[in-house]
Amino acid sequence: MLVVDDDESIRKFVHLALEKHGWTVLEAEDGVDGTARFILHQPDVLLTDISMPNSDGLEMLEVLRLGGYLEGIRVVIMSGVLNAAEIRAKKTVAAELLSKPFGLHELYKAVGDES
């Protein structure tokens, strides 16, 4: 699993919560780093923020989608403000939308781990 967010506290919260449930979690701080790590490690789940410096989540998703990397991948968008672009992204690639702040139950449900 790859968690992409420029907010370190969000990355750490998600990382620790999912690691406790047996997930192997990688982190990236923006879309550029996220794209590189995704291609290198090919995780089965991608959690990404939309608003990030350098390359935002939508740009990263578009690059990965065009490269054929997202087929069969569960994509979860994390956002503090849902807007039209994020809703469009959900319709094209995302399995789930998580509205920040979110709790553990919402996180586990979004990644398909409802235990």
PDB file of N, CA and C in Angstrom:
ATOM      1  N   MET A   1       0.835  -1.164   0.000  1.00  0.00           N
ATOM      2  CA  MET A   1       0.000   0.000   0.000  1.00  0.00           C
ATOM      3  C   MET A   1       0.887   1.236   0.000  1.00  0.00           C
ATOM      4  N   LEU A   2       0.449   2.246  -0.767  1.00  0.00           N
ATOM      5  CA  LEU A   2       1.180   3.506  -0.828  1.00  0.00           C
ATOM      6  C   LEU A   2       0.268   4.624  -0.367  1.00  0.00           C
ATOM      7  N   VAL A   3       0.765   5.443   0.571  1.00  0.00           N
ATOM      8  CA  VAL A   3       0.040   6.606   1.083  1.00  0.00           C
ATOM      9  C   VAL A   3       0.773   7.849   0.607  1.00  0.00           C
ATOM     10  N   VAL A   4       0.067   8.708  -0.158  1.00  0.00           N
ATOM     11  CA  VAL A   4       0.665   9.915  -0.712  1.00  0.00           C
ATOM     12  C   VAL A   4      -0.071  11.124  -0.143  1.00  0.00           C
ATOM     13  N   ASP A   5       0.639  11.920   0.646  1.00  0.00           N
ATOM     14  CA  ASP A   5       0.050  13.116   1.248  1.00  0.00           C
ATOM     15  C   ASP A   5       1.186  14.026   1.686  1.00  0.00           C
ATOM     16  N   ASP A   6       1.032  15.325   1.463  1.00  0.00           N
ATOM     17  CA  ASP A   6       2.073  16.262   1.879  1.00  0.00           C
ATOM     18  C   ASP A   6       2.026  16.536   3.376  1.00  0.00           C
ATOM     19  N   ASP A   7       0.972  16.125   4.045  1.00  0.00           N
ATOM     20  CA  ASP A   7       0.839  16.303   5.491  1.00  0.00           C
ATOM     21  C   ASP A   7       1.410  15.071   6.191  1.00  0.00           C
ATOM     22  N   GLU A   8       2.564  15.249   6.817  1.00  0.00           N
ATOM     23  CA  GLU A   8       3.246  14.124   7.460  1.00  0.00           C
ATOM     24  C   GLU A   8       2.388  13.473   8.537  1.00  0.00           C
ATOM     25  N   SER A   9       1.606  14.264   9.267  1.00  0.00           N
ATOM     26  CA  SER A   9       0.775  13.688  10.329  1.00  0.00           C
ATOM     27  C   SER A   9      -0.291  12.750   9.760  1.00  0.00           C
ATOM     28  N   ILE A  10      -0.847  13.077   8.606  1.00  0.00           N
ATOM     29  CA  ILE A  10      -1.823  12.188   7.957  1.00  0.00           C
ATOM     30  C   ILE A  10      -1.130  10.906   7.513  1.00  0.00           C
ATOM     31  N   ARG A  11       0.040  11.047   6.860  1.00  0.00           N
ATOM     32  CA  ARG A  11       0.780   9.856   6.416  1.00  0.00           C
ATOM     33  C   ARG A  11       1.090   8.929   7.580  1.00  0.00           C
ATOM     34  N   LYS A  12       1.551   9.490   8.686  1.00  0.00           N
ATOM     35  CA  LYS A  12       1.928   8.679   9.845  1.00  0.00           C
ATOM     36  C   LYS A  12       0.709   8.012  10.472  1.00  0.00           C
ATOM     37  N   PHE A  13      -0.410   8.747  10.579  1.00  0.00           N
ATOM     38  CA  PHE A  13      -1.654   8.183  11.135  1.00  0.00           C
ATOM     39  C   PHE A  13      -2.092   6.978  10.313  1.00  0.00           C
ATOM     40  N   VAL A  14      -2.158   7.157   8.993  1.00  0.00           N
ATOM     41  CA  VAL A  14      -2.578   6.075   8.102  1.00  0.00           C
ATOM     42  C   VAL A  14      -1.583   4.919   8.161  1.00  0.00           C
ATOM     43  N   HIS A  15      -0.300   5.241   8.098  1.00  0.00           N
ATOM     44  CA  HIS A  15       0.749   4.218   8.131  1.00  0.00           C
ATOM     45  C   HIS A  15       0.615   3.343   9.378  1.00  0.00           C
ATOM     46  N   LEU A  16       0.580   3.978  10.541  1.00  0.00           N
ATOM     47  CA  LEU A  16       0.532   3.223  11.801  1.00  0.00           C
ATOM     48  C   LEU A  16      -0.770   2.427  11.930  1.00  0.00           C
ATOM     49  N   ALA A  17      -1.885   3.029  11.549  1.00  0.00           N
ATOM     50  CA  ALA A  17      -3.179   2.352  11.661  1.00  0.00           C
ATOM     51  C   ALA A  17      -3.233   1.108  10.781  1.00  0.00           C
ATOM     52  N   LEU A  18      -2.729   1.220   9.569  1.00  0.00           N
ATOM     53  CA  LEU A  18      -2.801   0.084   8.644  1.00  0.00           C
ATOM     54  C   LEU A  18      -1.722  -0.957   8.917  1.00  0.00           C
ATOM     55  N   GLU A  19      -0.579  -0.508   9.377  1.00  0.00           N
ATOM     56  CA  GLU A  19       0.491  -1.442   9.732  1.00  0.00           C
ATOM     57  C   GLU A  19       0.033  -2.364  10.871  1.00  0.00           C
ATOM     58  N   LYS A  20      -0.750  -1.819  11.800  1.00  0.00           N
ATOM     59  CA  LYS A  20      -1.284  -2.620  12.907  1.00  0.00           C
ATOM     60  C   LYS A  20      -2.236  -3.700  12.416  1.00  0.00           C
ATOM     61  N   HIS A  21      -2.789  -3.505  11.225  1.00  0.00           N
ATOM     62  CA  HIS A  21      -3.691  -4.493  10.631  1.00  0.00           C
ATOM     63  C   HIS A  21      -2.964  -5.396   9.636  1.00  0.00           C
ATOM     64  N   GLY A  22      -1.629  -5.353   9.642  1.00  0.00           N
ATOM     65  CA  GLY A  22      -0.856  -6.280   8.829  1.00  0.00           C
ATOM     66  C   GLY A  22      -0.468  -5.782   7.445  1.00  0.00           C
ATOM     67  N   TRP A  23      -0.813  -4.547   7.106  1.00  0.00           N
ATOM     68  CA  TRP A  23      -0.451  -3.995   5.803  1.00  0.00           C
ATOM     69  C   TRP A  23       1.017  -3.580   5.789  1.00  0.00           C
ATOM     70  N   THR A  24       1.660  -3.708   4.655  1.00  0.00           N
ATOM     71  CA  THR A  24       2.965  -3.108   4.424  1.00  0.00           C
ATOM     72  C   THR A  24       2.679  -1.750   3.794  1.00  0.00           C
ATOM     73  N   VAL A  25       3.159  -0.684   4.420  1.00  0.00           N
ATOM     74  CA  VAL A  25       2.797   0.667   4.001  1.00  0.00           C
ATOM     75  C   VAL A  25       4.036   1.460   3.605  1.00  0.00           C
ATOM     76  N   LEU A  26       3.984   2.044   2.413  1.00  0.00           N
ATOM     77  CA  LEU A  26       5.017   2.965   1.939  1.00  0.00           C
ATOM     78  C   LEU A  26       4.423   4.364   1.944  1.00  0.00           C
ATOM     79  N   GLU A  27       5.288   5.377   2.037  1.00  0.00           N
ATOM     80  CA  GLU A  27       4.832   6.764   2.068  1.00  0.00           C
ATOM     81  C   GLU A  27       5.503   7.582   0.977  1.00  0.00           C
ATOM     82  N   ALA A  28       4.762   8.615   0.521  1.00  0.00           N
ATOM     83  CA  ALA A  28       5.314   9.606  -0.407  1.00  0.00           C
ATOM     84  C   ALA A  28       4.692  10.947  -0.060  1.00  0.00           C
ATOM     85  N   GLU A  29       5.465  12.026  -0.279  1.00  0.00           N
ATOM     86  CA  GLU A  29       4.993  13.339   0.164  1.00  0.00           C
ATOM     87  C   GLU A  29       4.375  14.201  -0.928  1.00  0.00           C
ATOM     88  N   ASP A  30       4.430  13.770  -2.169  1.00  0.00           N
ATOM     89  CA  ASP A  30       3.778  14.516  -3.245  1.00  0.00           C
ATOM     90  C   ASP A  30       3.586  13.599  -4.447  1.00  0.00           C
ATOM     91  N   GLY A  31       2.953  14.130  -5.483  1.00  0.00           N
ATOM     92  CA  GLY A  31       2.643  13.318  -6.651  1.00  0.00           C
ATOM     93  C   GLY A  31       3.858  12.830  -7.417  1.00  0.00           C
ATOM     94  N   VAL A  32       4.928  13.603  -7.423  1.00  0.00           N
ATOM     95  CA  VAL A  32       6.152  13.185  -8.122  1.00  0.00           C
ATOM     96  C   VAL A  32       6.761  11.975  -7.406  1.00  0.00           C
ATOM     97  N   ASP A  33       6.943  12.108  -6.102  1.00  0.00           N
ATOM     98  CA  ASP A  33       7.477  11.018  -5.295  1.00  0.00           C
ATOM     99  C   ASP A  33       6.516   9.821  -5.322  1.00  0.00           C
ATOM    100  N   GLY A  34       5.219  10.101  -5.252  1.00  0.00           N
ATOM    101  CA  GLY A  34       4.214   9.046  -5.280  1.00  0.00           C
ATOM    102  C   GLY A  34       4.234   8.245  -6.570  1.00  0.00           C
ATOM    103  N   THR A  35       4.354   8.934  -7.692  1.00  0.00           N
ATOM    104  CA  THR A  35       4.405   8.257  -8.988  1.00  0.00           C
ATOM    105  C   THR A  35       5.616   7.327  -9.055  1.00  0.00           C
ATOM    106  N   ALA A  36       6.769   7.843  -8.667  1.00  0.00           N
ATOM    107  CA  ALA A  36       7.999   7.043  -8.711  1.00  0.00           C
ATOM    108  C   ALA A  36       7.897   5.819  -7.806  1.00  0.00           C
ATOM    109  N   ARG A  37       7.419   6.023  -6.581  1.00  0.00           N
ATOM    110  CA  ARG A  37       7.312   4.895  -5.641  1.00  0.00           C
ATOM    111  C   ARG A  37       6.267   3.879  -6.100  1.00  0.00           C
ATOM    112  N   PHE A  38       5.176   4.380  -6.690  1.00  0.00           N
ATOM    113  CA  PHE A  38       4.150   3.462  -7.177  1.00  0.00           C
ATOM    114  C   PHE A  38       4.710   2.568  -8.281  1.00  0.00           C
ATOM    115  N   ILE A  39       5.388   3.163  -9.234  1.00  0.00           N
ATOM    116  CA  ILE A  39       5.938   2.399 -10.355  1.00  0.00           C
ATOM    117  C   ILE A  39       7.003   1.412  -9.860  1.00  0.00           C
ATOM    118  N   LEU A  40       7.824   1.836  -8.912  1.00  0.00           N
ATOM    119  CA  LEU A  40       8.883   0.981  -8.381  1.00  0.00           C
ATOM    120  C   LEU A  40       8.333  -0.191  -7.563  1.00  0.00           C
ATOM    121  N   HIS A  41       7.346   0.070  -6.707  1.00  0.00           N
ATOM    122  CA  HIS A  41       6.884  -0.947  -5.762  1.00  0.00           C
ATOM    123  C   HIS A  41       5.572  -1.635  -6.161  1.00  0.00           C
ATOM    124  N   GLN A  42       4.824  -1.046  -7.073  1.00  0.00           N
ATOM    125  CA  GLN A  42       3.559  -1.589  -7.567  1.00  0.00           C
ATOM    126  C   GLN A  42       2.639  -2.092  -6.444  1.00  0.00           C
ATOM    127  N   PRO A  43       2.212  -1.194  -5.564  1.00  0.00           N
ATOM    128  CA  PRO A  43       1.314  -1.598  -4.478  1.00  0.00           C
ATOM    129  C   PRO A  43      -0.081  -1.938  -5.009  1.00  0.00           C
ATOM    130  N   ASP A  44      -0.853  -2.655  -4.200  1.00  0.00           N
ATOM    131  CA  ASP A  44      -2.204  -3.018  -4.612  1.00  0.00           C
ATOM    132  C   ASP A  44      -3.253  -2.005  -4.173  1.00  0.00           C
ATOM    133  N   VAL A  45      -2.873  -1.080  -3.283  1.00  0.00           N
ATOM    134  CA  VAL A  45      -3.770  -0.021  -2.832  1.00  0.00           C
ATOM    135  C   VAL A  45      -3.006   1.298  -2.851  1.00  0.00           C
ATOM    136  N   LEU A  46      -3.677   2.351  -3.334  1.00  0.00           N
ATOM    137  CA  LEU A  46      -3.098   3.697  -3.370  1.00  0.00           C
ATOM    138  C   LEU A  46      -4.047   4.649  -2.672  1.00  0.00           C
ATOM    139  N   LEU A  47      -3.577   5.276  -1.595  1.00  0.00           N
ATOM    140  CA  LEU A  47      -4.318   6.324  -0.914  1.00  0.00           C
ATOM    141  C   LEU A  47      -3.621   7.624  -1.233  1.00  0.00           C
ATOM    142  N   THR A  48      -4.369   8.603  -1.756  1.00  0.00           N
ATOM    143  CA  THR A  48      -3.718   9.859  -2.112  1.00  0.00           C
ATOM    144  C   THR A  48      -4.564  11.071  -1.778  1.00  0.00           C
ATOM    145  N   ASP A  49      -3.866  12.100  -1.349  1.00  0.00           N
ATOM    146  CA  ASP A  49      -4.468  13.423  -1.202  1.00  0.00           C
ATOM    147  C   ASP A  49      -4.552  14.017  -2.610  1.00  0.00           C
ATOM    148  N   ILE A  50      -5.359  15.050  -2.773  1.00  0.00           N
ATOM    149  CA  ILE A  50      -5.451  15.713  -4.068  1.00  0.00           C
ATOM    150  C   ILE A  50      -4.558  16.943  -4.103  1.00  0.00           C
ATOM    151  N   SER A  51      -4.687  17.814  -3.105  1.00  0.00           N
ATOM    152  CA  SER A  51      -3.914  19.061  -3.088  1.00  0.00           C
ATOM    153  C   SER A  51      -2.541  18.831  -2.469  1.00  0.00           C
ATOM    154  N   MET A  52      -1.513  18.853  -3.331  1.00  0.00           N
ATOM    155  CA  MET A  52      -0.136  18.675  -2.874  1.00  0.00           C
ATOM    156  C   MET A  52       0.779  19.517  -3.752  1.00  0.00           C
ATOM    157  N   PRO A  53       1.938  19.906  -3.225  1.00  0.00           N
ATOM    158  CA  PRO A  53       2.894  20.661  -4.046  1.00  0.00           C
ATOM    159  C   PRO A  53       3.561  19.768  -5.096  1.00  0.00           C
ATOM    160  N   ASN A  54       4.241  20.384  -6.027  1.00  0.00           N
ATOM    161  CA  ASN A  54       5.004  19.739  -7.098  1.00  0.00           C
ATOM    162  C   ASN A  54       4.108  19.057  -8.121  1.00  0.00           C
ATOM    163  N   SER A  55       3.369  18.061  -7.718  1.00  0.00           N
ATOM    164  CA  SER A  55       2.424  17.372  -8.592  1.00  0.00           C
ATOM    165  C   SER A  55       1.273  16.927  -7.707  1.00  0.00           C
ATOM    166  N   ASP A  56       0.064  17.375  -8.020  1.00  0.00           N
ATOM    167  CA  ASP A  56      -1.046  17.022  -7.142  1.00  0.00           C
ATOM    168  C   ASP A  56      -1.535  15.599  -7.409  1.00  0.00           C
ATOM    169  N   GLY A  57      -2.485  15.168  -6.603  1.00  0.00           N
ATOM    170  CA  GLY A  57      -2.973  13.803  -6.710  1.00  0.00           C
ATOM    171  C   GLY A  57      -3.638  13.496  -8.030  1.00  0.00           C
ATOM    172  N   LEU A  58      -4.365  14.465  -8.604  1.00  0.00           N
ATOM    173  CA  LEU A  58      -5.021  14.228  -9.889  1.00  0.00           C
ATOM    174  C   LEU A  58      -4.000  14.042 -11.001  1.00  0.00           C
ATOM    175  N   GLU A  59      -2.936  14.843 -10.984  1.00  0.00           N
ATOM    176  CA  GLU A  59      -1.870  14.684 -11.981  1.00  0.00           C
ATOM    177  C   GLU A  59      -1.208  13.317 -11.846  1.00  0.00           C
ATOM    178  N   MET A  60      -0.939  12.914 -10.617  1.00  0.00           N
ATOM    179  CA  MET A  60      -0.324  11.616 -10.382  1.00  0.00           C
ATOM    180  C   MET A  60      -1.241  10.495 -10.880  1.00  0.00           C
ATOM    181  N   LEU A  61      -2.521  10.558 -10.542  1.00  0.00           N
ATOM    182  CA  LEU A  61      -3.463   9.532 -10.987  1.00  0.00           C
ATOM    183  C   LEU A  61      -3.550   9.464 -12.505  1.00  0.00           C
ATOM    184  N   GLU A  62      -3.507  10.619 -13.157  1.00  0.00           N
ATOM    185  CA  GLU A  62      -3.580  10.645 -14.617  1.00  0.00           C
ATOM    186  C   GLU A  62      -2.345   9.991 -15.242  1.00  0.00           C
ATOM    187  N   VAL A  63      -1.168  10.295 -14.709  1.00  0.00           N
ATOM    188  CA  VAL A  63       0.071   9.680 -15.213  1.00  0.00           C
ATOM    189  C   VAL A  63       0.017   8.164 -15.028  1.00  0.00           C
ATOM    190  N   LEU A  64      -0.392   7.733 -13.852  1.00  0.00           N
ATOM    191  CA  LEU A  64      -0.461   6.298 -13.584  1.00  0.00           C
ATOM    192  C   LEU A  64      -1.530   5.616 -14.428  1.00  0.00           C
ATOM    193  N   ARG A  65      -2.656   6.285 -14.614  1.00  0.00           N
ATOM    194  CA  ARG A  65      -3.732   5.717 -15.429  1.00  0.00           C
ATOM    195  C   ARG A  65      -3.294   5.576 -16.881  1.00  0.00           C
ATOM    196  N   LEU A  66      -2.692   6.628 -17.428  1.00  0.00           N
ATOM    197  CA  LEU A  66      -2.240   6.589 -18.822  1.00  0.00           C
ATOM    198  C   LEU A  66      -1.152   5.543 -19.035  1.00  0.00           C
ATOM    199  N   GLY A  67      -0.348   5.295 -18.020  1.00  0.00           N
ATOM    200  CA  GLY A  67       0.707   4.289 -18.103  1.00  0.00           C
ATOM    201  C   GLY A  67       0.191   2.870 -17.889  1.00  0.00           C
ATOM    202  N   GLY A  68      -1.090   2.735 -17.594  1.00  0.00           N
ATOM    203  CA  GLY A  68      -1.674   1.422 -17.383  1.00  0.00           C
ATOM    204  C   GLY A  68      -1.390   0.818 -16.020  1.00  0.00           C
ATOM    205  N   TYR A  69      -0.931   1.638 -15.081  1.00  0.00           N
ATOM    206  CA  TYR A  69      -0.537   1.132 -13.768  1.00  0.00           C
ATOM    207  C   TYR A  69      -1.695   0.933 -12.803  1.00  0.00           C
ATOM    208  N   LEU A  70      -2.850   1.534 -13.074  1.00  0.00           N
ATOM    209  CA  LEU A  70      -3.939   1.493 -12.093  1.00  0.00           C
ATOM    210  C   LEU A  70      -4.943   0.368 -12.308  1.00  0.00           C
ATOM    211  N   GLU A  71      -4.750  -0.422 -13.329  1.00  0.00           N
ATOM    212  CA  GLU A  71      -5.686  -1.511 -13.577  1.00  0.00           C
ATOM    213  C   GLU A  71      -5.649  -2.510 -12.420  1.00  0.00           C
ATOM    214  N   GLY A  72      -6.806  -2.731 -11.820  1.00  0.00           N
ATOM    215  CA  GLY A  72      -6.913  -3.664 -10.703  1.00  0.00           C
ATOM    216  C   GLY A  72      -6.434  -3.111  -9.379  1.00  0.00           C
ATOM    217  N   ILE A  73      -6.105  -1.822  -9.325  1.00  0.00           N
ATOM    218  CA  ILE A  73      -5.602  -1.190  -8.105  1.00  0.00           C
ATOM    219  C   ILE A  73      -6.748  -0.474  -7.397  1.00  0.00           C
ATOM    220  N   ARG A  74      -6.832  -0.647  -6.090  1.00  0.00           N
ATOM    221  CA  ARG A  74      -7.828   0.084  -5.301  1.00  0.00           C
ATOM    222  C   ARG A  74      -7.256   1.474  -5.034  1.00  0.00           C
ATOM    223  N   VAL A  75      -7.977   2.505  -5.464  1.00  0.00           N
ATOM    224  CA  VAL A  75      -7.546   3.887  -5.286  1.00  0.00           C
ATOM    225  C   VAL A  75      -8.492   4.574  -4.316  1.00  0.00           C
ATOM    226  N   VAL A  76      -7.919   5.212  -3.300  1.00  0.00           N
ATOM    227  CA  VAL A  76      -8.693   5.949  -2.309  1.00  0.00           C
ATOM    228  C   VAL A  76      -8.196   7.393  -2.305  1.00  0.00           C
ATOM    229  N   ILE A  77      -9.119   8.325  -2.506  1.00  0.00           N
ATOM    230  CA  ILE A  77      -8.785   9.746  -2.471  1.00  0.00           C
ATOM    231  C   ILE A  77      -9.110  10.284  -1.090  1.00  0.00           C
ATOM    232  N   MET A  78      -8.122  10.932  -0.481  1.00  0.00           N
ATOM    233  CA  MET A  78      -8.295  11.585   0.815  1.00  0.00           C
ATOM    234  C   MET A  78      -8.321  13.088   0.570  1.00  0.00           C
ATOM    235  N   SER A  79      -9.334  13.780   1.118  1.00  0.00           N
ATOM    236  CA  SER A  79      -9.414  15.208   0.862  1.00  0.00           C
ATOM    237  C   SER A  79     -10.128  15.930   1.990  1.00  0.00           C
ATOM    238  N   GLY A  80      -9.685  17.156   2.255  1.00  0.00           N
ATOM    239  CA  GLY A  80     -10.354  18.006   3.229  1.00  0.00           C
ATOM    240  C   GLY A  80     -11.557  18.711   2.634  1.00  0.00           C
ATOM    241  N   VAL A  81     -11.538  18.921   1.338  1.00  0.00           N
ATOM    242  CA  VAL A  81     -12.631  19.607   0.641  1.00  0.00           C
ATOM    243  C   VAL A  81     -12.913  18.846  -0.646  1.00  0.00           C
ATOM    244  N   LEU A  82     -14.098  18.303  -0.761  1.00  0.00           N
ATOM    245  CA  LEU A  82     -14.461  17.600  -1.989  1.00  0.00           C
ATOM    246  C   LEU A  82     -14.958  18.612  -3.009  1.00  0.00           C
ATOM    247  N   ASN A  83     -14.330  18.594  -4.179  1.00  0.00           N
ATOM    248  CA  ASN A  83     -14.764  19.503  -5.240  1.00  0.00           C
ATOM    249  C   ASN A  83     -15.047  18.709  -6.512  1.00  0.00           C
ATOM    250  N   ALA A  84     -15.414  19.402  -7.549  1.00  0.00           N
ATOM    251  CA  ALA A  84     -15.807  18.736  -8.794  1.00  0.00           C
ATOM    252  C   ALA A  84     -14.689  17.873  -9.367  1.00  0.00           C
ATOM    253  N   ALA A  85     -13.447  18.331  -9.279  1.00  0.00           N
ATOM    254  CA  ALA A  85     -12.324  17.554  -9.820  1.00  0.00           C
ATOM    255  C   ALA A  85     -12.159  16.245  -9.063  1.00  0.00           C
ATOM    256  N   GLU A  86     -12.322  16.281  -7.758  1.00  0.00           N
ATOM    257  CA  GLU A  86     -12.177  15.071  -6.961  1.00  0.00           C
ATOM    258  C   GLU A  86     -13.319  14.094  -7.228  1.00  0.00           C
ATOM    259  N   ILE A  87     -14.509  14.622  -7.381  1.00  0.00           N
ATOM    260  CA  ILE A  87     -15.645  13.761  -7.705  1.00  0.00           C
ATOM    261  C   ILE A  87     -15.446  13.131  -9.084  1.00  0.00           C
ATOM    262  N   ARG A  88     -14.901  13.900 -10.036  1.00  0.00           N
ATOM    263  CA  ARG A  88     -14.605  13.361 -11.364  1.00  0.00           C
ATOM    264  C   ARG A  88     -13.551  12.253 -11.254  1.00  0.00           C
ATOM    265  N   ALA A  89     -12.528  12.466 -10.424  1.00  0.00           N
ATOM    266  CA  ALA A  89     -11.489  11.454 -10.234  1.00  0.00           C
ATOM    267  C   ALA A  89     -12.087  10.182  -9.657  1.00  0.00           C
ATOM    268  N   LYS A  90     -13.003  10.308  -8.738  1.00  0.00           N
ATOM    269  CA  LYS A  90     -13.640   9.125  -8.156  1.00  0.00           C
ATOM    270  C   LYS A  90     -14.362   8.334  -9.241  1.00  0.00           C
ATOM    271  N   LYS A  91     -15.032   9.030 -10.122  1.00  0.00           N
ATOM    272  CA  LYS A  91     -15.775   8.342 -11.177  1.00  0.00           C
ATOM    273  C   LYS A  91     -14.842   7.632 -12.158  1.00  0.00           C
ATOM    274  N   THR A  92     -13.613   8.115 -12.305  1.00  0.00           N
ATOM    275  CA  THR A  92     -12.716   7.518 -13.288  1.00  0.00           C
ATOM    276  C   THR A  92     -11.772   6.471 -12.699  1.00  0.00           C
ATOM    277  N   VAL A  93     -11.264   6.690 -11.478  1.00  0.00           N
ATOM    278  CA  VAL A  93     -10.258   5.757 -10.958  1.00  0.00           C
ATOM    279  C   VAL A  93     -10.427   5.360  -9.497  1.00  0.00           C
ATOM    280  N   ALA A  94     -11.163   6.097  -8.711  1.00  0.00           N
ATOM    281  CA  ALA A  94     -11.157   5.860  -7.270  1.00  0.00           C
ATOM    282  C   ALA A  94     -12.245   4.904  -6.818  1.00  0.00           C
ATOM    283  N   ALA A  95     -11.868   4.042  -5.904  1.00  0.00           N
ATOM    284  CA  ALA A  95     -12.833   3.148  -5.282  1.00  0.00           C
ATOM    285  C   ALA A  95     -13.575   3.874  -4.163  1.00  0.00           C
ATOM    286  N   GLU A  96     -12.898   4.774  -3.489  1.00  0.00           N
ATOM    287  CA  GLU A  96     -13.447   5.439  -2.309  1.00  0.00           C
ATOM    288  C   GLU A  96     -12.988   6.887  -2.219  1.00  0.00           C
ATOM    289  N   LEU A  97     -13.783   7.687  -1.538  1.00  0.00           N
ATOM    290  CA  LEU A  97     -13.395   9.041  -1.165  1.00  0.00           C
ATOM    291  C   LEU A  97     -13.415   9.119   0.352  1.00  0.00           C
ATOM    292  N   LEU A  98     -12.329   9.573   0.954  1.00  0.00           N
ATOM    293  CA  LEU A  98     -12.268   9.787   2.395  1.00  0.00           C
ATOM    294  C   LEU A  98     -12.213  11.282   2.647  1.00  0.00           C
ATOM    295  N   SER A  99     -13.172  11.789   3.390  1.00  0.00           N
ATOM    296  CA  SER A  99     -13.197  13.205   3.718  1.00  0.00           C
ATOM    297  C   SER A  99     -12.419  13.427   5.012  1.00  0.00           C
ATOM    298  N   LYS A 100     -11.407  14.285   4.951  1.00  0.00           N
ATOM    299  CA  LYS A 100     -10.603  14.586   6.137  1.00  0.00           C
ATOM    300  C   LYS A 100     -11.386  15.535   7.036  1.00  0.00           C
ATOM    301  N   PRO A 101     -11.320  15.368   8.322  1.00  0.00           N
ATOM    302  CA  PRO A 101     -10.654  14.277   9.043  1.00  0.00           C
ATOM    303  C   PRO A 101     -11.512  13.011   8.990  1.00  0.00           C
ATOM    304  N   PHE A 102     -10.861  11.870   9.015  1.00  0.00           N
ATOM    305  CA  PHE A 102     -11.574  10.593   8.990  1.00  0.00           C
ATOM    306  C   PHE A 102     -11.077   9.732  10.141  1.00  0.00           C
ATOM    307  N   GLY A 103     -11.902   8.793  10.533  1.00  0.00           N
ATOM    308  CA  GLY A 103     -11.561   7.898  11.635  1.00  0.00           C
ATOM    309  C   GLY A 103     -11.057   6.563  11.136  1.00  0.00           C
ATOM    310  N   LEU A 104     -10.687   5.729  12.078  1.00  0.00           N
ATOM    311  CA  LEU A 104     -10.143   4.414  11.736  1.00  0.00           C
ATOM    312  C   LEU A 104     -11.155   3.560  10.984  1.00  0.00           C
ATOM    313  N   HIS A 105     -12.407   3.566  11.410  1.00  0.00           N
ATOM    314  CA  HIS A 105     -13.413   2.740  10.739  1.00  0.00           C
ATOM    315  C   HIS A 105     -13.545   3.124   9.267  1.00  0.00           C
ATOM    316  N   GLU A 106     -13.597   4.426   8.989  1.00  0.00           N
ATOM    317  CA  GLU A 106     -13.695   4.891   7.597  1.00  0.00           C
ATOM    318  C   GLU A 106     -12.459   4.500   6.794  1.00  0.00           C
ATOM    319  N   LEU A 107     -11.291   4.601   7.413  1.00  0.00           N
ATOM    320  CA  LEU A 107     -10.044   4.227   6.750  1.00  0.00           C
ATOM    321  C   LEU A 107     -10.042   2.744   6.405  1.00  0.00           C
ATOM    322  N   TYR A 108     -10.352   1.904   7.372  1.00  0.00           N
ATOM    323  CA  TYR A 108     -10.349   0.462   7.138  1.00  0.00           C
ATOM    324  C   TYR A 108     -11.363   0.075   6.064  1.00  0.00           C
ATOM    325  N   LYS A 109     -12.539   0.686   6.108  1.00  0.00           N
ATOM    326  CA  LYS A 109     -13.556   0.400   5.092  1.00  0.00           C
ATOM    327  C   LYS A 109     -13.086   0.803   3.713  1.00  0.00           C
ATOM    328  N   ALA A 110     -12.455   1.972   3.601  1.00  0.00           N
ATOM    329  CA  ALA A 110     -11.996   2.482   2.299  1.00  0.00           C
ATOM    330  C   ALA A 110     -10.958   1.567   1.649  1.00  0.00           C
ATOM    331  N   VAL A 111     -10.084   0.983   2.466  1.00  0.00           N
ATOM    332  CA  VAL A 111      -9.035   0.106   1.895  1.00  0.00           C
ATOM    333  C   VAL A 111      -9.497  -1.337   1.795  1.00  0.00           C
ATOM    334  N   GLY A 112     -10.730  -1.610   2.220  1.00  0.00           N
ATOM    335  CA  GLY A 112     -11.256  -2.968   2.084  1.00  0.00           C
ATOM    336  C   GLY A 112     -10.890  -3.877   3.234  1.00  0.00           C
ATOM    337  N   ASP A 113     -10.559  -3.287   4.384  1.00  0.00           N
ATOM    338  CA  ASP A 113     -10.171  -4.056   5.560  1.00  0.00           C
ATOM    339  C   ASP A 113     -11.145  -3.685   6.691  1.00  0.00           C
ATOM    340  N   GLU A 114     -12.269  -4.364   6.740  1.00  0.00           N
ATOM    341  CA  GLU A 114     -13.287  -4.009   7.717  1.00  0.00           C
ATOM    342  C   GLU A 114     -13.249  -4.885   8.953  1.00  0.00           C
ATOM    343  N   SER A 115     -12.117  -5.512   9.213  1.00  0.00           N
ATOM    344  CA  SER A 115     -12.020  -6.391  10.403  1.00  0.00           C
ATOM    345  C   SER A 115     -11.961  -5.587  11.674  1.00  0.00           C
TER     346      SER A 115
END
